[in-house]
Amino acid sequence: MVLEEYDSNISYTAENELSDWITRTQTGVDIIYEGKVDRAKLTADVYHRFYQKYSEFDNTSEDLFLDVTHEFTKYDSMRLTDHLTHSTEPTSLEAQFDRGTGRYAYSSNDLEITYYHDVTSQLRNILRFGNQLDYRSRSDLTDSTLYSLSEGVEYAFNSRDIGLAEIGYAMRDYSLGGDIQSYYLTLGLRHYFSSQLSLQAVAGYGFLTNTQNSTSGNPTYSLTLTDEVTDQLRAILAYSWQNSTSASSSDAFKSERVSFGLIDQVNLRLRVDLNAFYGSGTYDTSKTKNTLSGASAGFAYELFRATSLVASISYTQQDSNVLTDEYTRTFASVGIRREF
């Protein structure tokens, strides 16, 4: 795939704002294996960006995703996912909210192993382990490692209502010293209004101990409305309030988030993607408050067999009580994708 891109703010800051035209090349491969009790998919992509004015920012990025499932018995199964990313650009609107300000390269590896055990036809037990590694190229940002372990259950009251419960522990260890630990318990319900429309509501309470060994308790909430209108049309509206750890600073981050996503395979040739995001969060120690809102739209149109025209546009605005953390960014791209 070859894309021509315009970025109004490649520095992600209000000061010394830089804009540029960028040529991006992308090469990728999908490898899929399916057996009787095993399934595996590996997706690997390599990107290179050539900047027209600021060639010192030329860079190569990599993205690799592995998804493996295995059925031990008809009651027991396991899923392993591993997502490795190295880039200078956020991969989504929400990722732009989490990254803060300024330009820098980052690497992350997110591993998750989930074990499922069907106790009965109605009751499922879920055990999950996670490990996340985060590295930043800027010296003022810390690297970190996150470990998490949780156990949950799903209970089907009937064909429309599924009860949810989860208890978990997480610890993020920072390279500059210190760690943040958290414990939580959540209860929830997933209700199917129909085979295509569902609403999931989760509420809980957690305790977080920061790097100064101060412990605080906070509630957590989430609502997710999913509408799978057809196999080709899917929409998700989600809301969450949470107290989590920052991957790049030794601080806790209380945030409220609202997101919307729609994917529509309009016909055999045309696919449309729409996304919107709003997030507002405050860092516990520094008291920095950032609010980011944005929207994006894109499409892919098959010109002829295995060759598509692709285009996208997005706009984001970040407001903050720290003036140097405020910025706006417009991004647009158009190009050709060829599949073999």
C-alpha atoms as a PDB file:
ATOM      1  CA  MET A   1       0.000   0.000   0.000  1.00  0.00           C
ATOM      2  CA  VAL A   2       1.175   3.514  -0.841  1.00  0.00           C
ATOM      3  CA  LEU A   3      -0.428   6.575   0.789  1.00  0.00           C
ATOM      4  CA  GLU A   4       0.036  10.315   0.514  1.00  0.00           C
ATOM      5  CA  GLU A   5      -0.690  11.969   3.867  1.00  0.00           C
ATOM      6  CA  TYR A   6      -1.041  15.475   5.266  1.00  0.00           C
ATOM      7  CA  ASP A   7      -0.447  16.134   8.969  1.00  0.00           C
ATOM      8  CA  SER A   8      -1.091  19.654  10.288  1.00  0.00           C
ATOM      9  CA  ASN A   9       0.775  19.035  13.540  1.00  0.00           C
ATOM     10  CA  ILE A  10       3.505  16.374  13.421  1.00  0.00           C
ATOM     11  CA  SER A  11       4.925  17.748  16.699  1.00  0.00           C
ATOM     12  CA  TYR A  12       1.678  17.193  18.707  1.00  0.00           C
ATOM     13  CA  THR A  13       2.055  20.532  20.470  1.00  0.00           C
ATOM     14  CA  ALA A  14       0.819  24.117  20.299  1.00  0.00           C
ATOM     15  CA  GLU A  15       4.360  25.502  20.441  1.00  0.00           C
ATOM     16  CA  ASN A  16       6.615  25.098  17.384  1.00  0.00           C
ATOM     17  CA  GLU A  17       3.743  23.482  15.472  1.00  0.00           C
ATOM     18  CA  LEU A  18       5.015  21.767  12.314  1.00  0.00           C
ATOM     19  CA  SER A  19       2.992  20.553   9.326  1.00  0.00           C
ATOM     20  CA  ASP A  20       4.148  18.345   6.474  1.00  0.00           C
ATOM     21  CA  TRP A  21       3.224  16.093   3.579  1.00  0.00           C
ATOM     22  CA  ILE A  22       4.220  12.476   4.088  1.00  0.00           C
ATOM     23  CA  THR A  23       4.519   9.518   1.751  1.00  0.00           C
ATOM     24  CA  ARG A  24       3.847   6.246   3.554  1.00  0.00           C
ATOM     25  CA  THR A  25       4.546   2.770   2.228  1.00  0.00           C
ATOM     26  CA  GLN A  26       3.135  -0.309   3.915  1.00  0.00           C
ATOM     27  CA  THR A  27       3.883  -3.981   3.381  1.00  0.00           C
ATOM     28  CA  GLY A  28       2.019  -6.652   5.298  1.00  0.00           C
ATOM     29  CA  VAL A  29       1.229 -10.342   5.488  1.00  0.00           C
ATOM     30  CA  ASP A  30      -1.526 -12.474   7.063  1.00  0.00           C
ATOM     31  CA  ILE A  31      -0.792 -16.100   7.973  1.00  0.00           C
ATOM     32  CA  ILE A  32      -3.735 -18.259   9.092  1.00  0.00           C
ATOM     33  CA  TYR A  33      -3.753 -21.819  10.404  1.00  0.00           C
ATOM     34  CA  GLU A  34      -6.913 -23.756  11.232  1.00  0.00           C
ATOM     35  CA  GLY A  35      -6.948 -27.275  12.696  1.00  0.00           C
ATOM     36  CA  LYS A  36      -9.507 -29.405  14.496  1.00  0.00           C
ATOM     37  CA  VAL A  37      -8.841 -27.897  17.926  1.00  0.00           C
ATOM     38  CA  ASP A  38      -6.391 -25.099  17.095  1.00  0.00           C
ATOM     39  CA  ARG A  39      -6.572 -21.807  15.253  1.00  0.00           C
ATOM     40  CA  ALA A  40      -3.808 -19.267  14.762  1.00  0.00           C
ATOM     41  CA  LYS A  41      -3.519 -15.971  12.890  1.00  0.00           C
ATOM     42  CA  LEU A  42      -0.435 -13.815  12.509  1.00  0.00           C
ATOM     43  CA  THR A  43      -0.701 -10.309  11.052  1.00  0.00           C
ATOM     44  CA  ALA A  44       2.515  -8.377  10.404  1.00  0.00           C
ATOM     45  CA  ASP A  45       2.908  -4.913   8.878  1.00  0.00           C
ATOM     46  CA  VAL A  46       5.934  -2.706   8.192  1.00  0.00           C
ATOM     47  CA  TYR A  47       5.492   1.011   7.455  1.00  0.00           C
ATOM     48  CA  HIS A  48       7.964   3.626   6.267  1.00  0.00           C
ATOM     49  CA  ARG A  49       7.229   7.348   6.294  1.00  0.00           C
ATOM     50  CA  PHE A  50       9.061   9.857   4.068  1.00  0.00           C
ATOM     51  CA  TYR A  51       8.578  13.481   5.187  1.00  0.00           C
ATOM     52  CA  GLN A  52       8.718  16.111   2.446  1.00  0.00           C
ATOM     53  CA  LYS A  53      10.064  19.056   4.516  1.00  0.00           C
ATOM     54  CA  TYR A  54      11.326  17.460   7.720  1.00  0.00           C
ATOM     55  CA  SER A  55      13.250  14.465   6.431  1.00  0.00           C
ATOM     56  CA  GLU A  56      14.934  14.064   9.837  1.00  0.00           C
ATOM     57  CA  PHE A  57      11.576  12.588  10.975  1.00  0.00           C
ATOM     58  CA  ASP A  58      11.669   9.775   8.393  1.00  0.00           C
ATOM     59  CA  ASN A  59      11.002   6.545  10.246  1.00  0.00           C
ATOM     60  CA  THR A  60      10.098   2.883  10.002  1.00  0.00           C
ATOM     61  CA  SER A  61       7.310   1.381  12.123  1.00  0.00           C
ATOM     62  CA  GLU A  62       6.296  -2.213  12.765  1.00  0.00           C
ATOM     63  CA  ASP A  63       3.054  -3.797  13.949  1.00  0.00           C
ATOM     64  CA  LEU A  64       2.616  -7.496  14.708  1.00  0.00           C
ATOM     65  CA  PHE A  65      -0.454  -9.261  16.083  1.00  0.00           C
ATOM     66  CA  LEU A  66      -0.678 -12.942  17.030  1.00  0.00           C
ATOM     67  CA  ASP A  67      -3.966 -14.644  17.964  1.00  0.00           C
ATOM     68  CA  VAL A  68      -3.952 -18.328  18.967  1.00  0.00           C
ATOM     69  CA  THR A  69      -6.823 -20.444  20.320  1.00  0.00           C
ATOM     70  CA  HIS A  70      -6.752 -24.055  21.509  1.00  0.00           C
ATOM     71  CA  GLU A  71      -9.522 -26.359  22.739  1.00  0.00           C
ATOM     72  CA  PHE A  72      -8.277 -28.856  25.340  1.00  0.00           C
ATOM     73  CA  THR A  73     -11.717 -30.455  25.771  1.00  0.00           C
ATOM     74  CA  LYS A  74     -15.269 -29.425  24.939  1.00  0.00           C
ATOM     75  CA  TYR A  75     -15.313 -27.682  28.342  1.00  0.00           C
ATOM     76  CA  ASP A  76     -11.826 -26.116  28.405  1.00  0.00           C
ATOM     77  CA  SER A  77     -10.141 -23.754  25.982  1.00  0.00           C
ATOM     78  CA  MET A  78      -7.409 -21.142  25.900  1.00  0.00           C
ATOM     79  CA  ARG A  79      -6.703 -17.988  23.911  1.00  0.00           C
ATOM     80  CA  LEU A  80      -3.368 -16.190  23.615  1.00  0.00           C
ATOM     81  CA  THR A  81      -2.973 -12.777  22.005  1.00  0.00           C
ATOM     82  CA  ASP A  82       0.228 -10.779  21.622  1.00  0.00           C
ATOM     83  CA  HIS A  83       0.352  -7.305  20.064  1.00  0.00           C
ATOM     84  CA  LEU A  84       3.745  -5.743  19.354  1.00  0.00           C
ATOM     85  CA  THR A  85       3.921  -2.138  18.128  1.00  0.00           C
ATOM     86  CA  HIS A  86       6.804   0.215  17.351  1.00  0.00           C
ATOM     87  CA  SER A  87       5.820   3.612  15.961  1.00  0.00           C
ATOM     88  CA  THR A  88       5.835   7.385  16.318  1.00  0.00           C
ATOM     89  CA  GLU A  89       2.147   7.797  15.462  1.00  0.00           C
ATOM     90  CA  PRO A  90      -0.909   6.880  17.591  1.00  0.00           C
ATOM     91  CA  THR A  91      -3.002   4.090  16.093  1.00  0.00           C
ATOM     92  CA  SER A  92      -6.415   5.487  17.145  1.00  0.00           C
ATOM     93  CA  LEU A  93      -8.177   8.504  18.646  1.00  0.00           C
ATOM     94  CA  GLU A  94      -8.090   6.890  22.086  1.00  0.00           C
ATOM     95  CA  ALA A  95      -4.386   6.120  21.724  1.00  0.00           C
ATOM     96  CA  GLN A  96      -3.819   9.804  20.977  1.00  0.00           C
ATOM     97  CA  PHE A  97      -5.550  10.659  24.269  1.00  0.00           C
ATOM     98  CA  ASP A  98      -3.356   8.215  26.217  1.00  0.00           C
ATOM     99  CA  ARG A  99      -0.028   9.324  24.678  1.00  0.00           C
ATOM    100  CA  GLY A 100       0.049  12.927  25.968  1.00  0.00           C
ATOM    101  CA  THR A 101       1.817  15.658  24.005  1.00  0.00           C
ATOM    102  CA  GLY A 102       5.026  16.049  22.037  1.00  0.00           C
ATOM    103  CA  ARG A 103       6.630  13.904  19.384  1.00  0.00           C
ATOM    104  CA  TYR A 104       8.380  10.674  20.354  1.00  0.00           C
ATOM    105  CA  ALA A 105       8.794   7.065  19.313  1.00  0.00           C
ATOM    106  CA  TYR A 106       7.358   4.270  21.428  1.00  0.00           C
ATOM    107  CA  SER A 107       7.370   0.493  21.589  1.00  0.00           C
ATOM    108  CA  SER A 108       4.790  -1.663  23.341  1.00  0.00           C
ATOM    109  CA  ASN A 109       4.128  -5.363  23.691  1.00  0.00           C
ATOM    110  CA  ASP A 110       0.750  -6.435  25.064  1.00  0.00           C
ATOM    111  CA  LEU A 111       0.443 -10.132  25.933  1.00  0.00           C
ATOM    112  CA  GLU A 112      -2.788 -11.682  27.228  1.00  0.00           C
ATOM    113  CA  ILE A 113      -3.515 -15.325  28.060  1.00  0.00           C
ATOM    114  CA  THR A 114      -7.112 -16.327  28.839  1.00  0.00           C
ATOM    115  CA  TYR A 115      -8.305 -19.726  30.046  1.00  0.00           C
ATOM    116  CA  TYR A 116     -12.012 -20.649  29.757  1.00  0.00           C
ATOM    117  CA  HIS A 117     -13.724 -23.449  31.654  1.00  0.00           C
ATOM    118  CA  ASP A 118     -17.413 -24.236  31.122  1.00  0.00           C
ATOM    119  CA  VAL A 119     -18.554 -25.509  34.526  1.00  0.00           C
ATOM    120  CA  THR A 120     -22.103 -26.082  33.258  1.00  0.00           C
ATOM    121  CA  SER A 121     -24.077 -25.048  30.188  1.00  0.00           C
ATOM    122  CA  GLN A 122     -24.899 -21.802  32.033  1.00  0.00           C
ATOM    123  CA  LEU A 123     -21.727 -21.067  34.025  1.00  0.00           C
ATOM    124  CA  ARG A 124     -18.304 -20.190  32.586  1.00  0.00           C
ATOM    125  CA  ASN A 125     -15.136 -19.481  34.589  1.00  0.00           C
ATOM    126  CA  ILE A 126     -12.500 -17.170  33.071  1.00  0.00           C
ATOM    127  CA  LEU A 127      -8.894 -16.826  34.257  1.00  0.00           C
ATOM    128  CA  ARG A 128      -6.792 -14.094  32.621  1.00  0.00           C
ATOM    129  CA  PHE A 129      -3.121 -13.085  32.818  1.00  0.00           C
ATOM    130  CA  GLY A 130      -1.680  -9.985  31.156  1.00  0.00           C
ATOM    131  CA  ASN A 131       1.775  -8.507  30.656  1.00  0.00           C
ATOM    132  CA  GLN A 132       2.387  -5.158  28.955  1.00  0.00           C
ATOM    133  CA  LEU A 133       5.787  -3.591  28.192  1.00  0.00           C
ATOM    134  CA  ASP A 134       5.977   0.120  27.294  1.00  0.00           C
ATOM    135  CA  TYR A 135       9.077   2.014  26.165  1.00  0.00           C
ATOM    136  CA  ARG A 136       9.389   5.712  25.233  1.00  0.00           C
ATOM    137  CA  SER A 137      12.211   7.430  23.335  1.00  0.00           C
ATOM    138  CA  ARG A 138      12.035  10.662  25.370  1.00  0.00           C
ATOM    139  CA  SER A 139      14.196  10.911  28.507  1.00  0.00           C
ATOM    140  CA  ASP A 140      11.488  12.807  30.429  1.00  0.00           C
ATOM    141  CA  LEU A 141       9.088   9.858  30.026  1.00  0.00           C
ATOM    142  CA  THR A 142       9.487   6.643  31.982  1.00  0.00           C
ATOM    143  CA  ASP A 143       9.325   3.092  30.654  1.00  0.00           C
ATOM    144  CA  SER A 144       7.018   0.680  32.467  1.00  0.00           C
ATOM    145  CA  THR A 145       5.893  -2.934  32.800  1.00  0.00           C
ATOM    146  CA  LEU A 146       2.334  -3.893  33.704  1.00  0.00           C
ATOM    147  CA  TYR A 147       1.368  -7.267  35.211  1.00  0.00           C
ATOM    148  CA  SER A 148      -2.287  -8.200  35.683  1.00  0.00           C
ATOM    149  CA  LEU A 149      -4.210 -11.239  36.903  1.00  0.00           C
ATOM    150  CA  SER A 150      -7.970 -11.637  37.132  1.00  0.00           C
ATOM    151  CA  GLU A 151     -10.659 -14.279  37.579  1.00  0.00           C
ATOM    152  CA  GLY A 152     -14.203 -13.871  36.366  1.00  0.00           C
ATOM    153  CA  VAL A 153     -17.434 -15.732  35.805  1.00  0.00           C
ATOM    154  CA  GLU A 154     -20.261 -15.477  33.298  1.00  0.00           C
ATOM    155  CA  TYR A 155     -23.662 -16.928  34.202  1.00  0.00           C
ATOM    156  CA  ALA A 156     -26.520 -17.200  31.709  1.00  0.00           C
ATOM    157  CA  PHE A 157     -29.777 -16.570  33.574  1.00  0.00           C
ATOM    158  CA  ASN A 158     -31.657 -17.146  30.320  1.00  0.00           C
ATOM    159  CA  SER A 159     -31.150 -16.681  26.590  1.00  0.00           C
ATOM    160  CA  ARG A 160     -31.168 -12.877  26.930  1.00  0.00           C
ATOM    161  CA  ASP A 161     -29.382 -12.104  30.227  1.00  0.00           C
ATOM    162  CA  ILE A 162     -25.811 -12.979  31.247  1.00  0.00           C
ATOM    163  CA  GLY A 163     -24.429 -12.017  34.654  1.00  0.00           C
ATOM    164  CA  LEU A 164     -20.783 -10.952  34.935  1.00  0.00           C
ATOM    165  CA  ALA A 165     -18.368 -10.808  37.877  1.00  0.00           C
ATOM    166  CA  GLU A 166     -14.607 -10.250  38.019  1.00  0.00           C
ATOM    167  CA  ILE A 167     -11.920  -9.767  40.652  1.00  0.00           C
ATOM    168  CA  GLY A 168      -8.435  -8.643  39.686  1.00  0.00           C
ATOM    169  CA  TYR A 169      -5.012  -7.366  40.627  1.00  0.00           C
ATOM    170  CA  ALA A 170      -2.551  -5.255  38.605  1.00  0.00           C
ATOM    171  CA  MET A 171       0.897  -3.794  39.213  1.00  0.00           C
ATOM    172  CA  ARG A 172       2.754  -1.335  36.984  1.00  0.00           C
ATOM    173  CA  ASP A 173       6.498  -1.127  37.627  1.00  0.00           C
ATOM    174  CA  TYR A 174       8.343   2.030  36.448  1.00  0.00           C
ATOM    175  CA  SER A 175      11.944   2.131  35.195  1.00  0.00           C
ATOM    176  CA  LEU A 176      12.612   5.401  37.055  1.00  0.00           C
ATOM    177  CA  GLY A 177      11.599   3.753  40.340  1.00  0.00           C
ATOM    178  CA  GLY A 178       8.430   2.841  42.184  1.00  0.00           C
ATOM    179  CA  ASP A 179       5.281   0.976  41.243  1.00  0.00           C
ATOM    180  CA  ILE A 180       1.515   1.383  41.391  1.00  0.00           C
ATOM    181  CA  GLN A 181      -0.709  -1.507  42.518  1.00  0.00           C
ATOM    182  CA  SER A 182      -4.465  -1.866  42.177  1.00  0.00           C
ATOM    183  CA  TYR A 183      -7.213  -4.303  43.251  1.00  0.00           C
ATOM    184  CA  TYR A 184     -10.766  -4.295  41.926  1.00  0.00           C
ATOM    185  CA  LEU A 185     -14.096  -6.098  41.962  1.00  0.00           C
ATOM    186  CA  THR A 186     -16.756  -5.583  39.282  1.00  0.00           C
ATOM    187  CA  LEU A 187     -20.285  -6.891  38.710  1.00  0.00           C
ATOM    188  CA  GLY A 188     -22.276  -6.532  35.526  1.00  0.00           C
ATOM    189  CA  LEU A 189     -25.052  -7.665  33.224  1.00  0.00           C
ATOM    190  CA  ARG A 190     -25.165  -8.219  29.460  1.00  0.00           C
ATOM    191  CA  HIS A 191     -28.692  -8.032  28.050  1.00  0.00           C
ATOM    192  CA  TYR A 192     -29.655  -9.013  24.500  1.00  0.00           C
ATOM    193  CA  PHE A 193     -32.647  -7.027  23.265  1.00  0.00           C
ATOM    194  CA  SER A 194     -32.450  -9.121  20.114  1.00  0.00           C
ATOM    195  CA  SER A 195     -29.918 -11.344  18.376  1.00  0.00           C
ATOM    196  CA  GLN A 196     -28.216  -8.221  17.025  1.00  0.00           C
ATOM    197  CA  LEU A 197     -28.629  -5.574  19.775  1.00  0.00           C
ATOM    198  CA  SER A 198     -27.045  -5.875  23.237  1.00  0.00           C
ATOM    199  CA  LEU A 199     -26.223  -3.652  26.208  1.00  0.00           C
ATOM    200  CA  GLN A 200     -23.510  -4.447  28.748  1.00  0.00           C
ATOM    201  CA  ALA A 201     -23.379  -2.558  32.066  1.00  0.00           C
ATOM    202  CA  VAL A 202     -20.527  -3.045  34.556  1.00  0.00           C
ATOM    203  CA  ALA A 203     -19.920  -1.338  37.904  1.00  0.00           C
ATOM    204  CA  GLY A 204     -17.355  -1.949  40.591  1.00  0.00           C
ATOM    205  CA  TYR A 205     -14.919  -0.599  43.124  1.00  0.00           C
ATOM    206  CA  GLY A 206     -11.152  -0.654  43.329  1.00  0.00           C
ATOM    207  CA  PHE A 207      -8.229   0.376  45.519  1.00  0.00           C
ATOM    208  CA  LEU A 208      -5.058   1.895  44.099  1.00  0.00           C
ATOM    209  CA  THR A 209      -1.740   2.381  45.909  1.00  0.00           C
ATOM    210  CA  ASN A 210       0.491   4.995  44.253  1.00  0.00           C
ATOM    211  CA  THR A 211       4.273   5.381  44.260  1.00  0.00           C
ATOM    212  CA  GLN A 212       4.083   7.314  47.563  1.00  0.00           C
ATOM    213  CA  ASN A 213       2.309   4.300  49.172  1.00  0.00           C
ATOM    214  CA  SER A 214      -0.917   6.280  49.498  1.00  0.00           C
ATOM    215  CA  THR A 215      -4.051   4.166  48.950  1.00  0.00           C
ATOM    216  CA  SER A 216      -7.324   5.505  47.598  1.00  0.00           C
ATOM    217  CA  GLY A 217     -10.618   3.859  46.652  1.00  0.00           C
ATOM    218  CA  ASN A 218     -12.546   4.688  43.492  1.00  0.00           C
ATOM    219  CA  PRO A 219     -15.604   3.360  41.705  1.00  0.00           C
ATOM    220  CA  THR A 220     -15.492   2.189  38.090  1.00  0.00           C
ATOM    221  CA  TYR A 221     -18.305   2.137  35.523  1.00  0.00           C
ATOM    222  CA  SER A 222     -18.760   1.109  31.913  1.00  0.00           C
ATOM    223  CA  LEU A 223     -21.633   0.871  29.441  1.00  0.00           C
ATOM    224  CA  THR A 224     -21.343  -0.721  25.996  1.00  0.00           C
ATOM    225  CA  LEU A 225     -24.133  -0.751  23.419  1.00  0.00           C
ATOM    226  CA  THR A 226     -23.479  -3.025  20.441  1.00  0.00           C
ATOM    227  CA  ASP A 227     -25.666  -3.255  17.353  1.00  0.00           C
ATOM    228  CA  GLU A 228     -24.722  -5.870  14.769  1.00  0.00           C
ATOM    229  CA  VAL A 229     -27.366  -4.871  12.262  1.00  0.00           C
ATOM    230  CA  THR A 230     -26.084  -7.280   9.623  1.00  0.00           C
ATOM    231  CA  ASP A 231     -22.871  -9.175   8.913  1.00  0.00           C
ATOM    232  CA  GLN A 232     -21.773  -6.057   7.016  1.00  0.00           C
ATOM    233  CA  LEU A 233     -22.938  -3.315   9.422  1.00  0.00           C
ATOM    234  CA  ARG A 234     -21.768  -3.017  13.040  1.00  0.00           C
ATOM    235  CA  ALA A 235     -21.931  -0.094  15.479  1.00  0.00           C
ATOM    236  CA  ILE A 236     -20.570   0.269  19.041  1.00  0.00           C
ATOM    237  CA  LEU A 237     -21.220   3.070  21.547  1.00  0.00           C
ATOM    238  CA  ALA A 238     -19.204   2.873  24.786  1.00  0.00           C
ATOM    239  CA  TYR A 239     -18.796   4.884  27.994  1.00  0.00           C
ATOM    240  CA  SER A 240     -16.349   4.293  30.853  1.00  0.00           C
ATOM    241  CA  TRP A 241     -15.087   5.935  34.032  1.00  0.00           C
ATOM    242  CA  GLN A 242     -11.925   4.452  35.501  1.00  0.00           C
ATOM    243  CA  ASN A 243      -8.847   5.058  37.623  1.00  0.00           C
ATOM    244  CA  SER A 244      -5.872   3.493  35.849  1.00  0.00           C
ATOM    245  CA  THR A 245      -2.092   3.787  35.689  1.00  0.00           C
ATOM    246  CA  SER A 246      -0.138   5.884  33.201  1.00  0.00           C
ATOM    247  CA  ALA A 247       2.286   3.978  30.978  1.00  0.00           C
ATOM    248  CA  SER A 248       4.696   6.914  30.571  1.00  0.00           C
ATOM    249  CA  SER A 249       4.680   8.694  33.962  1.00  0.00           C
ATOM    250  CA  SER A 250       4.688   7.367  37.534  1.00  0.00           C
ATOM    251  CA  ASP A 251       1.145   8.527  38.150  1.00  0.00           C
ATOM    252  CA  ALA A 252      -2.464   7.362  38.357  1.00  0.00           C
ATOM    253  CA  PHE A 253      -4.905   8.672  35.753  1.00  0.00           C
ATOM    254  CA  LYS A 254      -8.620   9.160  36.441  1.00  0.00           C
ATOM    255  CA  SER A 255     -10.488   9.360  33.152  1.00  0.00           C
ATOM    256  CA  GLU A 256     -13.926   9.464  31.596  1.00  0.00           C
ATOM    257  CA  ARG A 257     -14.273   8.232  28.017  1.00  0.00           C
ATOM    258  CA  VAL A 258     -16.992   8.081  25.371  1.00  0.00           C
ATOM    259  CA  SER A 259     -16.410   6.414  22.003  1.00  0.00           C
ATOM    260  CA  PHE A 260     -18.432   5.529  18.922  1.00  0.00           C
ATOM    261  CA  GLY A 261     -17.464   3.291  16.037  1.00  0.00           C
ATOM    262  CA  LEU A 262     -19.285   2.179  12.901  1.00  0.00           C
ATOM    263  CA  ILE A 263     -18.146  -0.198  10.162  1.00  0.00           C
ATOM    264  CA  ASP A 264     -20.368  -0.585   7.122  1.00  0.00           C
ATOM    265  CA  GLN A 265     -19.633  -2.819   4.150  1.00  0.00           C
ATOM    266  CA  VAL A 266     -22.016  -0.829   1.980  1.00  0.00           C
ATOM    267  CA  ASN A 267     -21.691  -3.189  -0.970  1.00  0.00           C
ATOM    268  CA  LEU A 268     -19.171  -5.594  -2.479  1.00  0.00           C
ATOM    269  CA  ARG A 269     -16.881  -2.697  -3.407  1.00  0.00           C
ATOM    270  CA  LEU A 270     -17.330  -0.015  -0.741  1.00  0.00           C
ATOM    271  CA  ARG A 271     -16.494  -0.121   2.980  1.00  0.00           C
ATOM    272  CA  VAL A 272     -16.963   2.887   5.294  1.00  0.00           C
ATOM    273  CA  ASP A 273     -15.518   3.499   8.795  1.00  0.00           C
ATOM    274  CA  LEU A 274     -16.667   6.248  11.180  1.00  0.00           C
ATOM    275  CA  ASN A 275     -15.241   6.948  14.649  1.00  0.00           C
ATOM    276  CA  ALA A 276     -15.669   9.569  17.360  1.00  0.00           C
ATOM    277  CA  PHE A 277     -14.026   9.919  20.769  1.00  0.00           C
ATOM    278  CA  TYR A 278     -14.162  12.134  23.843  1.00  0.00           C
ATOM    279  CA  GLY A 279     -11.890  11.692  26.833  1.00  0.00           C
ATOM    280  CA  SER A 280     -11.223  13.758  29.927  1.00  0.00           C
ATOM    281  CA  GLY A 281      -8.687  12.758  32.556  1.00  0.00           C
ATOM    282  CA  THR A 282      -6.656  14.060  35.496  1.00  0.00           C
ATOM    283  CA  TYR A 283      -3.282  12.840  36.697  1.00  0.00           C
ATOM    284  CA  ASP A 284      -3.376  12.173  40.429  1.00  0.00           C
ATOM    285  CA  THR A 285      -0.005  13.640  41.471  1.00  0.00           C
ATOM    286  CA  SER A 286       0.672  16.379  38.909  1.00  0.00           C
ATOM    287  CA  LYS A 287      -3.032  17.452  38.766  1.00  0.00           C
ATOM    288  CA  THR A 288      -2.674  17.936  35.000  1.00  0.00           C
ATOM    289  CA  LYS A 289      -6.098  17.699  33.354  1.00  0.00           C
ATOM    290  CA  ASN A 290      -6.352  16.893  29.649  1.00  0.00           C
ATOM    291  CA  THR A 291      -9.471  16.713  27.509  1.00  0.00           C
ATOM    292  CA  LEU A 292      -9.324  15.318  23.975  1.00  0.00           C
ATOM    293  CA  SER A 293     -12.138  15.182  21.440  1.00  0.00           C
ATOM    294  CA  GLY A 294     -11.916  13.968  17.885  1.00  0.00           C
ATOM    295  CA  ALA A 295     -13.572  12.284  14.943  1.00  0.00           C
ATOM    296  CA  SER A 296     -12.414  10.331  11.924  1.00  0.00           C
ATOM    297  CA  ALA A 297     -13.912   8.953   8.716  1.00  0.00           C
ATOM    298  CA  GLY A 298     -12.501   6.658   6.077  1.00  0.00           C
ATOM    299  CA  PHE A 299     -13.427   4.424   3.181  1.00  0.00           C
ATOM    300  CA  ALA A 300     -12.010   1.718   0.948  1.00  0.00           C
ATOM    301  CA  TYR A 301     -13.350   1.305  -2.602  1.00  0.00           C
ATOM    302  CA  GLU A 302     -12.353  -1.681  -4.734  1.00  0.00           C
ATOM    303  CA  LEU A 303     -11.369  -0.317  -8.134  1.00  0.00           C
ATOM    304  CA  PHE A 304     -10.780  -3.785  -9.544  1.00  0.00           C
ATOM    305  CA  ARG A 305      -9.863  -7.211  -8.201  1.00  0.00           C
ATOM    306  CA  ALA A 306      -7.528  -6.950  -5.133  1.00  0.00           C
ATOM    307  CA  THR A 307      -6.867  -3.227  -5.743  1.00  0.00           C
ATOM    308  CA  SER A 308      -8.626  -0.555  -3.674  1.00  0.00           C
ATOM    309  CA  LEU A 309      -8.653   3.196  -3.309  1.00  0.00           C
ATOM    310  CA  VAL A 310      -8.394   4.128   0.387  1.00  0.00           C
ATOM    311  CA  ALA A 311      -8.820   7.500   2.078  1.00  0.00           C
ATOM    312  CA  SER A 312      -9.325   8.895   5.576  1.00  0.00           C
ATOM    313  CA  ILE A 313      -9.531  12.180   7.464  1.00  0.00           C
ATOM    314  CA  SER A 314      -9.477  12.999  11.181  1.00  0.00           C
ATOM    315  CA  TYR A 315      -9.492  16.006  13.477  1.00  0.00           C
ATOM    316  CA  THR A 316      -8.501  16.108  17.150  1.00  0.00           C
ATOM    317  CA  GLN A 317      -8.316  18.863  19.741  1.00  0.00           C
ATOM    318  CA  GLN A 318      -6.706  18.608  23.161  1.00  0.00           C
ATOM    319  CA  ASP A 319      -7.455  21.139  25.897  1.00  0.00           C
ATOM    320  CA  SER A 320      -5.546  21.231  29.171  1.00  0.00           C
ATOM    321  CA  ASN A 321      -4.992  23.242  32.346  1.00  0.00           C
ATOM    322  CA  VAL A 322      -1.328  23.243  31.243  1.00  0.00           C
ATOM    323  CA  LEU A 323      -1.143  25.537  28.194  1.00  0.00           C
ATOM    324  CA  THR A 324       1.826  23.716  26.651  1.00  0.00           C
ATOM    325  CA  ASP A 325      -0.241  20.503  26.556  1.00  0.00           C
ATOM    326  CA  GLU A 326      -2.929  21.994  24.295  1.00  0.00           C
ATOM    327  CA  TYR A 327      -2.945  21.388  20.549  1.00  0.00           C
ATOM    328  CA  THR A 328      -5.101  20.678  17.503  1.00  0.00           C
ATOM    329  CA  ARG A 329      -4.327  18.262  14.679  1.00  0.00           C
ATOM    330  CA  THR A 330      -5.838  17.563  11.258  1.00  0.00           C
ATOM    331  CA  PHE A 331      -4.767  14.435   9.411  1.00  0.00           C
ATOM    332  CA  ALA A 332      -5.757  13.254   5.929  1.00  0.00           C
ATOM    333  CA  SER A 333      -4.565  10.454   3.660  1.00  0.00           C
ATOM    334  CA  VAL A 334      -5.329   8.916   0.266  1.00  0.00           C
ATOM    335  CA  GLY A 335      -3.715   6.012  -1.502  1.00  0.00           C
ATOM    336  CA  ILE A 336      -3.848   2.640  -3.226  1.00  0.00           C
ATOM    337  CA  ARG A 337      -3.910  -0.770  -1.537  1.00  0.00           C
ATOM    338  CA  ARG A 338      -2.966  -3.898  -3.447  1.00  0.00           C
ATOM    339  CA  GLU A 339      -3.561  -7.413  -2.072  1.00  0.00           C
ATOM    340  CA  PHE A 340      -1.848 -10.552  -3.339  1.00  0.00           C
END
